[in-house]
C-alpha atoms as a PDB file:
ATOM      1  CA  MET A   1      -0.626   4.737 -13.513  1.00  0.00           C
ATOM      2  CA  THR A   2      -1.801   7.783 -11.554  1.00  0.00           C
ATOM      3  CA  THR A   3      -1.312   8.966  -7.987  1.00  0.00           C
ATOM      4  CA  VAL A   4      -5.058   9.257  -7.304  1.00  0.00           C
ATOM      5  CA  SER A   5      -5.962   7.323  -4.130  1.00  0.00           C
ATOM      6  CA  LEU A   6      -9.238   5.775  -3.090  1.00  0.00           C
ATOM      7  CA  PRO A   7     -11.144   7.402  -0.205  1.00  0.00           C
ATOM      8  CA  VAL A   8     -10.521   5.905   3.247  1.00  0.00           C
ATOM      9  CA  ILE A   9     -13.584   6.139   5.528  1.00  0.00           C
ATOM     10  CA  ASP A  10     -13.536   5.678   9.314  1.00  0.00           C
ATOM     11  CA  LEU A  11     -16.758   3.935  10.388  1.00  0.00           C
ATOM     12  CA  GLY A  12     -16.315   4.697  14.081  1.00  0.00           C
ATOM     13  CA  GLY A  13     -16.650   1.056  15.050  1.00  0.00           C
ATOM     14  CA  ALA A  14     -19.913   0.566  13.092  1.00  0.00           C
ATOM     15  CA  SER A  15     -21.754   0.004  16.376  1.00  0.00           C
ATOM     16  CA  LYS A  16     -24.283   2.822  15.934  1.00  0.00           C
ATOM     17  CA  ALA A  17     -26.282   3.782  12.862  1.00  0.00           C
ATOM     18  CA  PRO A  18     -24.192   5.469  10.137  1.00  0.00           C
ATOM     19  CA  SER A  19     -23.677   9.143  10.864  1.00  0.00           C
ATOM     20  CA  SER A  20     -24.630  11.792   8.326  1.00  0.00           C
ATOM     21  CA  GLN A  21     -20.927  12.338   7.636  1.00  0.00           C
ATOM     22  CA  VAL A  22     -20.336   8.645   6.910  1.00  0.00           C
ATOM     23  CA  VAL A  23     -23.419   8.547   4.650  1.00  0.00           C
ATOM     24  CA  ARG A  24     -22.104  11.511   2.636  1.00  0.00           C
ATOM     25  CA  ARG A  25     -18.623  10.010   2.323  1.00  0.00           C
ATOM     26  CA  VAL A  26     -19.932   6.598   1.296  1.00  0.00           C
ATOM     27  CA  ALA A  27     -22.277   8.134  -1.297  1.00  0.00           C
ATOM     28  CA  ASP A  28     -19.519  10.379  -2.692  1.00  0.00           C
ATOM     29  CA  ALA A  29     -17.100   7.438  -2.940  1.00  0.00           C
ATOM     30  CA  ALA A  30     -19.723   5.242  -4.590  1.00  0.00           C
ATOM     31  CA  GLU A  31     -20.522   7.969  -7.120  1.00  0.00           C
ATOM     32  CA  ASN A  32     -16.976   9.060  -7.955  1.00  0.00           C
ATOM     33  CA  PHE A  33     -14.985   5.835  -7.638  1.00  0.00           C
ATOM     34  CA  GLY A  34     -17.227   2.829  -7.014  1.00  0.00           C
ATOM     35  CA  PHE A  35     -14.508   1.779  -4.531  1.00  0.00           C
ATOM     36  CA  PHE A  36     -13.321   2.916  -1.117  1.00  0.00           C
ATOM     37  CA  GLN A  37     -11.541   1.530   1.939  1.00  0.00           C
ATOM     38  CA  ILE A  38     -12.968   1.390   5.451  1.00  0.00           C
ATOM     39  CA  VAL A  39     -11.178   1.374   8.783  1.00  0.00           C
ATOM     40  CA  ASN A  40     -12.478   1.057  12.346  1.00  0.00           C
ATOM     41  CA  HIS A  41     -15.132  -1.207  10.838  1.00  0.00           C
ATOM     42  CA  GLY A  42     -15.843  -3.392  13.877  1.00  0.00           C
ATOM     43  CA  ILE A  43     -14.525  -6.765  12.627  1.00  0.00           C
ATOM     44  CA  ASP A  44     -12.056  -8.145  15.164  1.00  0.00           C
ATOM     45  CA  ASP A  45      -8.422  -8.348  13.998  1.00  0.00           C
ATOM     46  CA  ARG A  46      -8.108 -11.771  15.638  1.00  0.00           C
ATOM     47  CA  ASP A  47     -10.953 -13.161  13.502  1.00  0.00           C
ATOM     48  CA  VAL A  48      -9.226 -11.812  10.410  1.00  0.00           C
ATOM     49  CA  GLU A  49      -5.883 -13.352  11.412  1.00  0.00           C
ATOM     50  CA  ARG A  50      -7.520 -16.748  11.947  1.00  0.00           C
ATOM     51  CA  LEU A  51      -9.168 -16.509   8.540  1.00  0.00           C
ATOM     52  CA  TRP A  52      -5.862 -15.736   6.827  1.00  0.00           C
ATOM     53  CA  ALA A  53      -4.271 -18.688   8.602  1.00  0.00           C
ATOM     54  CA  VAL A  54      -6.855 -21.263   7.467  1.00  0.00           C
ATOM     55  CA  THR A  55      -6.839 -19.776   3.948  1.00  0.00           C
ATOM     56  CA  ARG A  56      -3.095 -20.281   3.545  1.00  0.00           C
ATOM     57  CA  THR A  57      -3.317 -23.752   5.074  1.00  0.00           C
ATOM     58  CA  PHE A  58      -6.008 -24.812   2.614  1.00  0.00           C
ATOM     59  CA  PHE A  59      -4.229 -23.550  -0.496  1.00  0.00           C
ATOM     60  CA  GLY A  60      -0.935 -24.991   0.707  1.00  0.00           C
ATOM     61  CA  GLN A  61      -2.277 -28.533   0.269  1.00  0.00           C
ATOM     62  CA  PRO A  62      -1.478 -30.669  -2.807  1.00  0.00           C
ATOM     63  CA  ALA A  63      -3.751 -30.171  -5.815  1.00  0.00           C
ATOM     64  CA  GLU A  64      -5.247 -33.657  -5.529  1.00  0.00           C
ATOM     65  CA  VAL A  65      -6.366 -32.895  -1.952  1.00  0.00           C
ATOM     66  CA  LYS A  66      -7.939 -29.554  -2.849  1.00  0.00           C
ATOM     67  CA  ARG A  67      -9.766 -31.117  -5.783  1.00  0.00           C
ATOM     68  CA  ARG A  68     -11.576 -33.503  -3.479  1.00  0.00           C
ATOM     69  CA  ILE A  69     -14.011 -30.649  -2.937  1.00  0.00           C
ATOM     70  CA  GLU A  70     -13.963 -29.362  -6.513  1.00  0.00           C
ATOM     71  CA  ARG A  71     -17.014 -27.462  -7.677  1.00  0.00           C
ATOM     72  CA  THR A  72     -19.143 -28.436 -10.678  1.00  0.00           C
ATOM     73  CA  LYS A  73     -21.527 -26.755 -13.095  1.00  0.00           C
ATOM     74  CA  GLU A  74     -24.392 -27.773 -10.791  1.00  0.00           C
ATOM     75  CA  ASN A  75     -22.652 -26.732  -7.555  1.00  0.00           C
ATOM     76  CA  SER A  76     -20.730 -23.449  -7.589  1.00  0.00           C
ATOM     77  CA  ARG A  77     -19.530 -23.959  -3.995  1.00  0.00           C
ATOM     78  CA  GLY A  78     -16.133 -25.541  -3.588  1.00  0.00           C
ATOM     79  CA  TYR A  79     -12.606 -25.399  -5.000  1.00  0.00           C
ATOM     80  CA  TYR A  80     -11.730 -24.455  -8.579  1.00  0.00           C
ATOM     81  CA  ASP A  81      -8.524 -23.753 -10.501  1.00  0.00           C
ATOM     82  CA  ARG A  82      -9.966 -22.952 -13.953  1.00  0.00           C
ATOM     83  CA  GLU A  83     -12.050 -19.838 -13.180  1.00  0.00           C
ATOM     84  CA  LEU A  84     -12.967 -17.650 -16.147  1.00  0.00           C
ATOM     85  CA  THR A  85     -13.612 -13.925 -16.330  1.00  0.00           C
ATOM     86  CA  LYS A  86     -14.701 -12.372 -19.631  1.00  0.00           C
ATOM     87  CA  ASN A  87     -14.229 -15.820 -21.203  1.00  0.00           C
ATOM     88  CA  ALA A  88     -10.506 -15.846 -20.353  1.00  0.00           C
ATOM     89  CA  ARG A  89      -8.906 -18.079 -17.717  1.00  0.00           C
ATOM     90  CA  ASP A  90      -7.564 -16.276 -14.646  1.00  0.00           C
ATOM     91  CA  LEU A  91      -4.269 -17.166 -12.992  1.00  0.00           C
ATOM     92  CA  LYS A  92      -5.771 -18.104  -9.644  1.00  0.00           C
ATOM     93  CA  GLU A  93      -7.354 -20.736  -7.415  1.00  0.00           C
ATOM     94  CA  VAL A  94     -10.620 -20.166  -5.547  1.00  0.00           C
ATOM     95  CA  LEU A  95     -12.715 -21.703  -2.791  1.00  0.00           C
ATOM     96  CA  ASP A  96     -16.332 -20.493  -2.478  1.00  0.00           C
ATOM     97  CA  ILE A  97     -18.373 -20.950   0.712  1.00  0.00           C
ATOM     98  CA  ALA A  98     -21.834 -19.532   1.442  1.00  0.00           C
ATOM     99  CA  HIS A  99     -23.741 -18.957   4.671  1.00  0.00           C
ATOM    100  CA  VAL A 100     -26.140 -21.862   5.093  1.00  0.00           C
ATOM    101  CA  PRO A 101     -27.571 -24.661   2.942  1.00  0.00           C
ATOM    102  CA  PHE A 102     -30.868 -23.851   1.283  1.00  0.00           C
ATOM    103  CA  PRO A 103     -33.960 -25.775   2.372  1.00  0.00           C
ATOM    104  CA  GLU A 104     -35.241 -28.561   0.155  1.00  0.00           C
ATOM    105  CA  LEU A 105     -37.673 -27.038  -2.338  1.00  0.00           C
ATOM    106  CA  ALA A 106     -39.996 -28.422  -4.985  1.00  0.00           C
ATOM    107  CA  ASP A 107     -38.570 -28.399  -8.510  1.00  0.00           C
ATOM    108  CA  ASP A 108     -41.060 -25.741  -9.652  1.00  0.00           C
ATOM    109  CA  ASP A 109     -40.557 -23.478  -6.610  1.00  0.00           C
ATOM    110  CA  PRO A 110     -39.407 -20.015  -7.837  1.00  0.00           C
ATOM    111  CA  ARG A 111     -36.805 -19.994  -5.054  1.00  0.00           C
ATOM    112  CA  ASN A 112     -35.183 -23.101  -6.485  1.00  0.00           C
ATOM    113  CA  PHE A 113     -32.109 -21.312  -7.796  1.00  0.00           C
ATOM    114  CA  HIS A 114     -30.036 -23.169  -5.204  1.00  0.00           C
ATOM    115  CA  ARG A 115     -29.125 -25.442  -8.099  1.00  0.00           C
ATOM    116  CA  VAL A 116     -26.555 -22.700  -8.857  1.00  0.00           C
ATOM    117  CA  ASP A 117     -25.022 -22.818  -5.417  1.00  0.00           C
ATOM    118  CA  GLY A 118     -25.625 -26.388  -4.311  1.00  0.00           C
ATOM    119  CA  GLN A 119     -24.067 -27.167  -0.948  1.00  0.00           C
ATOM    120  CA  ASN A 120     -20.921 -26.074   0.834  1.00  0.00           C
ATOM    121  CA  GLN A 121     -17.986 -28.454   0.582  1.00  0.00           C
ATOM    122  CA  TRP A 122     -15.793 -28.165   3.672  1.00  0.00           C
ATOM    123  CA  PRO A 123     -12.126 -29.173   3.733  1.00  0.00           C
ATOM    124  CA  GLY A 124     -11.153 -31.485   6.570  1.00  0.00           C
ATOM    125  CA  LEU A 125      -8.975 -28.922   8.338  1.00  0.00           C
ATOM    126  CA  GLU A 126      -9.154 -28.302  12.070  1.00  0.00           C
ATOM    127  CA  GLY A 127     -10.874 -25.026  12.940  1.00  0.00           C
ATOM    128  CA  PHE A 128     -11.612 -24.172   9.298  1.00  0.00           C
ATOM    129  CA  ARG A 129     -15.396 -24.376   9.405  1.00  0.00           C
ATOM    130  CA  ASP A 130     -15.889 -22.437  12.654  1.00  0.00           C
ATOM    131  CA  THR A 131     -13.448 -19.734  11.548  1.00  0.00           C
ATOM    132  CA  VAL A 132     -15.210 -19.220   8.221  1.00  0.00           C
ATOM    133  CA  ILE A 133     -18.719 -19.240   9.724  1.00  0.00           C
ATOM    134  CA  ASP A 134     -17.713 -16.583  12.277  1.00  0.00           C
ATOM    135  CA  TYR A 135     -16.289 -14.383   9.538  1.00  0.00           C
ATOM    136  CA  LEU A 136     -19.315 -14.835   7.282  1.00  0.00           C
ATOM    137  CA  GLN A 137     -21.580 -13.579  10.056  1.00  0.00           C
ATOM    138  CA  ALA A 138     -19.325 -10.605  10.775  1.00  0.00           C
ATOM    139  CA  CYS A 139     -19.352  -9.651   7.088  1.00  0.00           C
ATOM    140  CA  ASN A 140     -23.121  -9.975   6.875  1.00  0.00           C
ATOM    141  CA  ASP A 141     -23.557  -7.648   9.864  1.00  0.00           C
ATOM    142  CA  LEU A 142     -21.156  -5.082   8.410  1.00  0.00           C
ATOM    143  CA  SER A 143     -22.766  -5.274   4.961  1.00  0.00           C
ATOM    144  CA  LEU A 144     -26.228  -4.617   6.409  1.00  0.00           C
ATOM    145  CA  TRP A 145     -24.770  -1.614   8.247  1.00  0.00           C
ATOM    146  CA  LEU A 146     -23.234  -0.264   5.035  1.00  0.00           C
ATOM    147  CA  LEU A 147     -26.495  -0.909   3.180  1.00  0.00           C
ATOM    148  CA  GLN A 148     -28.118   1.684   5.423  1.00  0.00           C
ATOM    149  CA  ALA A 149     -25.568   4.270   4.320  1.00  0.00           C
ATOM    150  CA  PHE A 150     -26.034   3.416   0.641  1.00  0.00           C
ATOM    151  CA  CYS A 151     -29.830   3.727   0.964  1.00  0.00           C
ATOM    152  CA  ARG A 152     -29.735   7.013   2.855  1.00  0.00           C
ATOM    153  CA  GLY A 153     -27.315   8.387   0.281  1.00  0.00           C
ATOM    154  CA  LEU A 154     -30.035   7.828  -2.341  1.00  0.00           C
ATOM    155  CA  GLY A 155     -32.684   9.585  -0.268  1.00  0.00           C
ATOM    156  CA  GLU A 156     -34.342   6.331   0.818  1.00  0.00           C
ATOM    157  CA  HIS A 157     -35.084   5.056   4.326  1.00  0.00           C
ATOM    158  CA  ALA A 158     -32.044   3.326   5.864  1.00  0.00           C
ATOM    159  CA  ASP A 159     -33.823  -0.063   5.917  1.00  0.00           C
ATOM    160  CA  HIS A 160     -35.465   0.272   2.502  1.00  0.00           C
ATOM    161  CA  LEU A 161     -33.611  -2.744   1.056  1.00  0.00           C
ATOM    162  CA  ARG A 162     -33.099  -4.795   4.208  1.00  0.00           C
ATOM    163  CA  ASP A 163     -35.866  -7.321   3.434  1.00  0.00           C
ATOM    164  CA  GLU A 164     -34.053  -8.355   0.233  1.00  0.00           C
ATOM    165  CA  PHE A 165     -31.177  -9.620   2.397  1.00  0.00           C
ATOM    166  CA  GLY A 166     -33.137 -11.786   4.827  1.00  0.00           C
ATOM    167  CA  ALA A 167     -32.673 -15.446   5.706  1.00  0.00           C
ATOM    168  CA  GLU A 168     -32.487 -16.525   2.043  1.00  0.00           C
ATOM    169  CA  HIS A 169     -29.820 -14.045   0.964  1.00  0.00           C
ATOM    170  CA  THR A 170     -27.175 -15.527  -1.370  1.00  0.00           C
ATOM    171  CA  SER A 171     -23.988 -13.887  -0.085  1.00  0.00           C
ATOM    172  CA  PHE A 172     -20.779 -15.894  -0.047  1.00  0.00           C
ATOM    173  CA  LEU A 173     -17.089 -15.777   0.796  1.00  0.00           C
ATOM    174  CA  ARG A 174     -14.450 -16.456  -1.839  1.00  0.00           C
ATOM    175  CA  MET A 175     -10.900 -17.398  -0.898  1.00  0.00           C
ATOM    176  CA  ASN A 176      -8.445 -16.469  -3.662  1.00  0.00           C
ATOM    177  CA  ARG A 177      -4.870 -17.547  -4.226  1.00  0.00           C
ATOM    178  CA  TYR A 178      -2.947 -15.928  -7.063  1.00  0.00           C
ATOM    179  CA  PRO A 179       0.108 -18.148  -7.653  1.00  0.00           C
ATOM    180  CA  LEU A 180       3.158 -17.139  -9.676  1.00  0.00           C
ATOM    181  CA  HIS A 181       2.644 -19.974 -12.154  1.00  0.00           C
ATOM    182  CA  ASP A 182      -0.272 -21.861 -13.706  1.00  0.00           C
ATOM    183  CA  PRO A 183      -1.688 -24.283 -11.095  1.00  0.00           C
ATOM    184  CA  LEU A 184      -2.542 -26.722 -13.894  1.00  0.00           C
ATOM    185  CA  THR A 185      -0.106 -29.180 -15.407  1.00  0.00           C
ATOM    186  CA  ALA A 186       0.753 -28.748 -19.084  1.00  0.00           C
ATOM    187  CA  ALA A 187      -1.516 -31.671 -19.973  1.00  0.00           C
ATOM    188  CA  GLU A 188      -4.439 -30.206 -17.981  1.00  0.00           C
ATOM    189  CA  ALA A 189      -3.917 -26.724 -19.432  1.00  0.00           C
ATOM    190  CA  ALA A 190      -4.005 -28.102 -22.973  1.00  0.00           C
ATOM    191  CA  ASN A 191      -7.634 -29.158 -22.526  1.00  0.00           C
ATOM    192  CA  VAL A 192      -9.104 -25.968 -21.054  1.00  0.00           C
ATOM    193  CA  THR A 193      -9.335 -22.281 -21.880  1.00  0.00           C
ATOM    194  CA  GLU A 194      -5.923 -20.630 -22.212  1.00  0.00           C
ATOM    195  CA  LEU A 195      -4.648 -18.238 -19.570  1.00  0.00           C
ATOM    196  CA  GLY A 196      -5.268 -14.579 -20.297  1.00  0.00           C
ATOM    197  CA  ASP A 197      -2.885 -11.721 -19.568  1.00  0.00           C
ATOM    198  CA  MET A 198      -4.224 -10.892 -16.095  1.00  0.00           C
ATOM    199  CA  ALA A 199      -4.311 -12.738 -12.778  1.00  0.00           C
ATOM    200  CA  LEU A 200      -7.965 -11.617 -12.711  1.00  0.00           C
ATOM    201  CA  HIS A 201      -9.424  -9.982 -15.796  1.00  0.00           C
ATOM    202  CA  HIS A 202     -11.369  -6.715 -15.760  1.00  0.00           C
ATOM    203  CA  HIS A 203     -14.959  -7.040 -14.582  1.00  0.00           C
ATOM    204  CA  THR A 204     -17.614  -5.592 -12.303  1.00  0.00           C
ATOM    205  CA  ASP A 205     -19.160  -7.545  -9.438  1.00  0.00           C
ATOM    206  CA  ALA A 206     -22.699  -8.728 -10.106  1.00  0.00           C
ATOM    207  CA  GLY A 207     -24.296  -8.250  -6.673  1.00  0.00           C
ATOM    208  CA  ALA A 208     -24.938  -5.362  -4.300  1.00  0.00           C
ATOM    209  CA  LEU A 209     -21.547  -4.729  -2.704  1.00  0.00           C
ATOM    210  CA  THR A 210     -18.293  -6.518  -1.931  1.00  0.00           C
ATOM    211  CA  LEU A 211     -16.116  -6.489   1.190  1.00  0.00           C
ATOM    212  CA  LEU A 212     -12.520  -7.399   0.369  1.00  0.00           C
ATOM    213  CA  LEU A 213      -9.586  -8.316   2.563  1.00  0.00           C
ATOM    214  CA  GLN A 214      -6.338  -8.141   0.626  1.00  0.00           C
ATOM    215  CA  ASP A 215      -2.864  -9.075   1.787  1.00  0.00           C
ATOM    216  CA  ASP A 216       0.140  -6.744   1.620  1.00  0.00           C
ATOM    217  CA  VAL A 217       1.304  -7.881  -1.828  1.00  0.00           C
ATOM    218  CA  GLY A 218      -1.010  -5.607  -3.829  1.00  0.00           C
ATOM    219  CA  GLY A 219      -2.075  -5.910  -7.445  1.00  0.00           C
ATOM    220  CA  LEU A 220      -5.739  -4.884  -7.335  1.00  0.00           C
ATOM    221  CA  GLN A 221      -6.460  -2.056  -9.777  1.00  0.00           C
ATOM    222  CA  VAL A 222      -9.605   0.031 -10.365  1.00  0.00           C
ATOM    223  CA  ALA A 223     -10.579   1.843 -13.544  1.00  0.00           C
ATOM    224  CA  HIS A 224     -10.899   5.583 -12.931  1.00  0.00           C
ATOM    225  CA  GLY A 225     -11.500   7.760 -15.947  1.00  0.00           C
ATOM    226  CA  LYS A 226      -9.092   6.634 -18.653  1.00  0.00           C
ATOM    227  CA  THR A 227      -6.551   5.021 -16.357  1.00  0.00           C
ATOM    228  CA  TRP A 228      -6.108   2.323 -13.704  1.00  0.00           C
ATOM    229  CA  ILE A 229      -5.330   3.185 -10.092  1.00  0.00           C
ATOM    230  CA  ASP A 230      -3.722   0.844  -7.587  1.00  0.00           C
ATOM    231  CA  VAL A 231      -5.695  -0.114  -4.474  1.00  0.00           C
ATOM    232  CA  GLU A 232      -2.864   0.188  -1.980  1.00  0.00           C
ATOM    233  CA  PRO A 233      -3.047  -2.299   0.913  1.00  0.00           C
ATOM    234  CA  ILE A 234      -3.742  -0.613   4.273  1.00  0.00           C
ATOM    235  CA  ALA A 235      -3.220  -2.636   7.441  1.00  0.00           C
ATOM    236  CA  GLY A 236      -6.557  -3.453   9.081  1.00  0.00           C
ATOM    237  CA  ALA A 237      -8.637  -1.947   6.252  1.00  0.00           C
ATOM    238  CA  ILE A 238     -11.392  -3.556   4.189  1.00  0.00           C
ATOM    239  CA  VAL A 239     -11.907  -2.566   0.564  1.00  0.00           C
ATOM    240  CA  VAL A 240     -15.551  -1.931  -0.386  1.00  0.00           C
ATOM    241  CA  ASN A 241     -16.899  -1.753  -3.918  1.00  0.00           C
ATOM    242  CA  THR A 242     -20.362  -1.284  -5.317  1.00  0.00           C
ATOM    243  CA  GLY A 243     -21.722  -3.967  -7.619  1.00  0.00           C
ATOM    244  CA  ASP A 244     -23.966  -4.011 -10.667  1.00  0.00           C
ATOM    245  CA  MET A 245     -27.077  -4.341  -8.526  1.00  0.00           C
ATOM    246  CA  MET A 246     -26.298  -1.171  -6.592  1.00  0.00           C
ATOM    247  CA  GLN A 247     -25.672   0.670  -9.854  1.00  0.00           C
ATOM    248  CA  VAL A 248     -29.136  -0.380 -11.044  1.00  0.00           C
ATOM    249  CA  TRP A 249     -30.834   0.516  -7.752  1.00  0.00           C
ATOM    250  CA  SER A 250     -29.150   3.921  -7.819  1.00  0.00           C
ATOM    251  CA  ASN A 251     -30.061   4.536 -11.484  1.00  0.00           C
ATOM    252  CA  ASN A 252     -26.343   4.968 -12.294  1.00  0.00           C
ATOM    253  CA  ARG A 253     -25.682   7.417  -9.466  1.00  0.00           C
ATOM    254  CA  TYR A 254     -23.452   4.788  -7.851  1.00  0.00           C
ATOM    255  CA  THR A 255     -20.771   3.229 -10.017  1.00  0.00           C
ATOM    256  CA  ALA A 256     -19.982  -0.469 -10.373  1.00  0.00           C
ATOM    257  CA  ALA A 257     -16.346   0.137 -11.271  1.00  0.00           C
ATOM    258  CA  LEU A 258     -14.272  -2.124 -13.476  1.00  0.00           C
ATOM    259  CA  HIS A 259     -11.419  -3.738 -11.577  1.00  0.00           C
ATOM    260  CA  ARG A 260      -8.711  -6.331 -12.202  1.00  0.00           C
ATOM    261  CA  VAL A 261      -5.678  -7.971 -10.612  1.00  0.00           C
ATOM    262  CA  ALA A 262      -2.310  -7.600 -12.335  1.00  0.00           C
ATOM    263  CA  PRO A 263      -0.076 -10.689 -12.541  1.00  0.00           C
ATOM    264  CA  ARG A 264       2.434 -11.173  -9.728  1.00  0.00           C
ATOM    265  CA  THR A 265       6.124 -11.681 -10.525  1.00  0.00           C
ATOM    266  CA  THR A 266       7.807 -12.147  -7.130  1.00  0.00           C
ATOM    267  CA  ASP A 267       5.207 -12.964  -4.443  1.00  0.00           C
ATOM    268  CA  GLU A 268       1.954 -14.874  -4.725  1.00  0.00           C
ATOM    269  CA  ARG A 269      -1.139 -12.970  -3.599  1.00  0.00           C
ATOM    270  CA  TYR A 270      -4.142 -13.891  -1.447  1.00  0.00           C
ATOM    271  CA  SER A 271      -7.456 -12.073  -1.127  1.00  0.00           C
ATOM    272  CA  LEU A 272     -10.791 -12.700   0.580  1.00  0.00           C
ATOM    273  CA  PRO A 273     -13.843 -11.057  -1.044  1.00  0.00           C
ATOM    274  CA  TYR A 274     -17.276 -11.346   0.562  1.00  0.00           C
ATOM    275  CA  PHE A 275     -20.035 -10.864  -2.014  1.00  0.00           C
ATOM    276  CA  PHE A 276     -23.180  -9.394  -0.446  1.00  0.00           C
ATOM    277  CA  ASN A 277     -26.115 -10.635  -2.509  1.00  0.00           C
ATOM    278  CA  PRO A 278     -29.905 -10.747  -1.960  1.00  0.00           C
ATOM    279  CA  SER A 279     -32.350 -13.657  -2.216  1.00  0.00           C
ATOM    280  CA  TYR A 280     -32.810 -15.211  -5.631  1.00  0.00           C
ATOM    281  CA  THR A 281     -36.440 -14.048  -5.766  1.00  0.00           C
ATOM    282  CA  THR A 282     -35.292 -10.409  -5.766  1.00  0.00           C
ATOM    283  CA  ILE A 283     -36.420  -8.373  -8.765  1.00  0.00           C
ATOM    284  CA  TYR A 284     -34.479  -5.138  -8.904  1.00  0.00           C
ATOM    285  CA  GLU A 285     -34.781  -1.899 -10.818  1.00  0.00           C
ATOM    286  CA  PRO A 286     -33.994   1.782 -10.122  1.00  0.00           C
ATOM    287  CA  LEU A 287     -35.370   2.911  -6.765  1.00  0.00           C
ATOM    288  CA  PRO A 288     -37.917   5.755  -6.949  1.00  0.00           C
ATOM    289  CA  GLY A 289     -35.748   7.995  -4.769  1.00  0.00           C
ATOM    290  CA  SER A 290     -32.778   7.580  -7.089  1.00  0.00           C
ATOM    291  CA  ILE A 291     -34.555   8.889 -10.197  1.00  0.00           C
ATOM    292  CA  ARG A 292     -34.031  12.633 -10.379  1.00  0.00           C
ATOM    293  CA  PRO A 293     -36.936  14.854 -11.532  1.00  0.00           C
ATOM    294  CA  ASP A 294     -35.280  15.552 -14.904  1.00  0.00           C
ATOM    295  CA  ASP A 295     -34.323  11.921 -15.483  1.00  0.00           C
ATOM    296  CA  GLU A 296     -35.927   8.520 -16.076  1.00  0.00           C
ATOM    297  CA  ALA A 297     -35.260   4.909 -15.116  1.00  0.00           C
ATOM    298  CA  HIS A 298     -32.176   3.675 -16.968  1.00  0.00           C
ATOM    299  CA  TYR A 299     -32.928  -0.043 -16.538  1.00  0.00           C
ATOM    300  CA  ARG A 300     -35.749  -2.509 -16.887  1.00  0.00           C
ATOM    301  CA  SER A 301     -36.489  -4.961 -14.072  1.00  0.00           C
ATOM    302  CA  ILE A 302     -33.872  -7.706 -13.583  1.00  0.00           C
ATOM    303  CA  SER A 303     -34.275 -11.091 -11.881  1.00  0.00           C
ATOM    304  CA  TRP A 304     -31.319 -11.726  -9.587  1.00  0.00           C
ATOM    305  CA  GLY A 305     -31.852 -15.491  -9.817  1.00  0.00           C
ATOM    306  CA  ASP A 306     -31.582 -15.465 -13.621  1.00  0.00           C
ATOM    307  CA  PHE A 307     -28.699 -12.996 -13.621  1.00  0.00           C
ATOM    308  CA  ARG A 308     -26.694 -14.995 -11.078  1.00  0.00           C
ATOM    309  CA  GLN A 309     -27.309 -18.247 -12.988  1.00  0.00           C
ATOM    310  CA  SER A 310     -25.882 -16.728 -16.167  1.00  0.00           C
ATOM    311  CA  ARG A 311     -22.833 -15.322 -14.384  1.00  0.00           C
ATOM    312  CA  ALA A 312     -22.147 -18.638 -12.636  1.00  0.00           C
ATOM    313  CA  ASP A 313     -22.281 -20.491 -15.954  1.00  0.00           C
ATOM    314  CA  GLY A 314     -19.875 -18.026 -17.537  1.00  0.00           C
ATOM    315  CA  ASP A 315     -17.386 -18.254 -14.675  1.00  0.00           C
ATOM    316  CA  PHE A 316     -17.320 -22.042 -14.671  1.00  0.00           C
ATOM    317  CA  ALA A 317     -16.708 -22.544 -18.395  1.00  0.00           C
ATOM    318  CA  ASP A 318     -16.959 -20.750 -21.709  1.00  0.00           C
ATOM    319  CA  TYR A 319     -20.715 -21.040 -22.241  1.00  0.00           C
ATOM    320  CA  GLY A 320     -21.048 -17.838 -24.264  1.00  0.00           C
ATOM    321  CA  ALA A 321     -21.067 -14.108 -23.578  1.00  0.00           C
ATOM    322  CA  GLU A 322     -21.431 -13.015 -19.965  1.00  0.00           C
ATOM    323  CA  VAL A 323     -24.706 -11.302 -19.134  1.00  0.00           C
ATOM    324  CA  GLN A 324     -24.300  -7.620 -18.220  1.00  0.00           C
ATOM    325  CA  ILE A 325     -26.658  -5.028 -16.720  1.00  0.00           C
ATOM    326  CA  SER A 326     -26.262  -3.077 -19.960  1.00  0.00           C
ATOM    327  CA  ASP A 327     -28.342  -5.842 -21.537  1.00  0.00           C
ATOM    328  CA  PHE A 328     -31.266  -4.503 -19.471  1.00  0.00           C
ATOM    329  CA  ALA A 329     -30.840  -0.824 -20.292  1.00  0.00           C
ATOM    330  CA  ASN A 330     -34.020   0.932 -21.401  1.00  0.00           C
ATOM    331  CA  GLU A 331     -34.068   1.657 -25.124  1.00  0.00           C
ATOM    332  CA  SER A 332     -33.674   5.406 -24.590  1.00  0.00           C
ATOM    333  CA  GLN A 333     -30.482   4.693 -22.621  1.00  0.00           C
ATOM    334  CA  SER A 334     -28.972   2.154 -25.052  1.00  0.00           C
END
């Protein structure tokens, strides 16, 4: 392990448009690390405390209660204790909740990828739903603010990508619990994919960017060069990382960094990532402003709806190799 630390960026409350200094720091962090932490980000500490409280209350329930809202292959929203990453089972429990239900659409409507997400399944806990909805909105506002900085860092207009994240955006909140021991019984574990050697195996996030709240236990690690660096918990900070989609848009100028969570030995860990994703009709490819004069586009066009469907299938069960953006690299870049 190395002593290199991730950049920590003060957003100045995120109430005004990103300053030129913030744009430079965000772009530098996205290029050199793919991860950074933000402080003074504008999300109220009291909202965060309420979210932590309902998260711990939910996961503290018996397994049979949590499984009442278990997710399925057809509905990725809900509780799950057999999540896979890289075709290996992670030592964790999750609960996924998105912003709003999708409208009813005809079967042949190109927007009909809501079969991946289905509908939210809410636990019957007092204050849970309102707390989560408030936090989802706060994260959406902050993500749109950060999107301006990412765009300007690529030489594009601040709102160049805003329309992709309109009313039908597919962002969602994931509640994670990393227990010390397998949440499955021995009989249950015998019939599913075996646990791997990580609480969460190495991967990159599929979407545009991720906002992560982590507790004070630690364990998140980011690949940097030939080593892994620890993402040290900072009180009041949010961890930000760029996803595969941002790497494509930036033509590899921004990095979707590999990251993982090491197993815990003394204290269980909780984390709350918010995945900022566009509408399923989004077709993405390198932005014109991100292609330098002496370079070319490194990727072909990618359908977010198709990409997300493949990732959701791979996370739910071992349905084959996970799709990667490298699968869409232009031949000259392969």
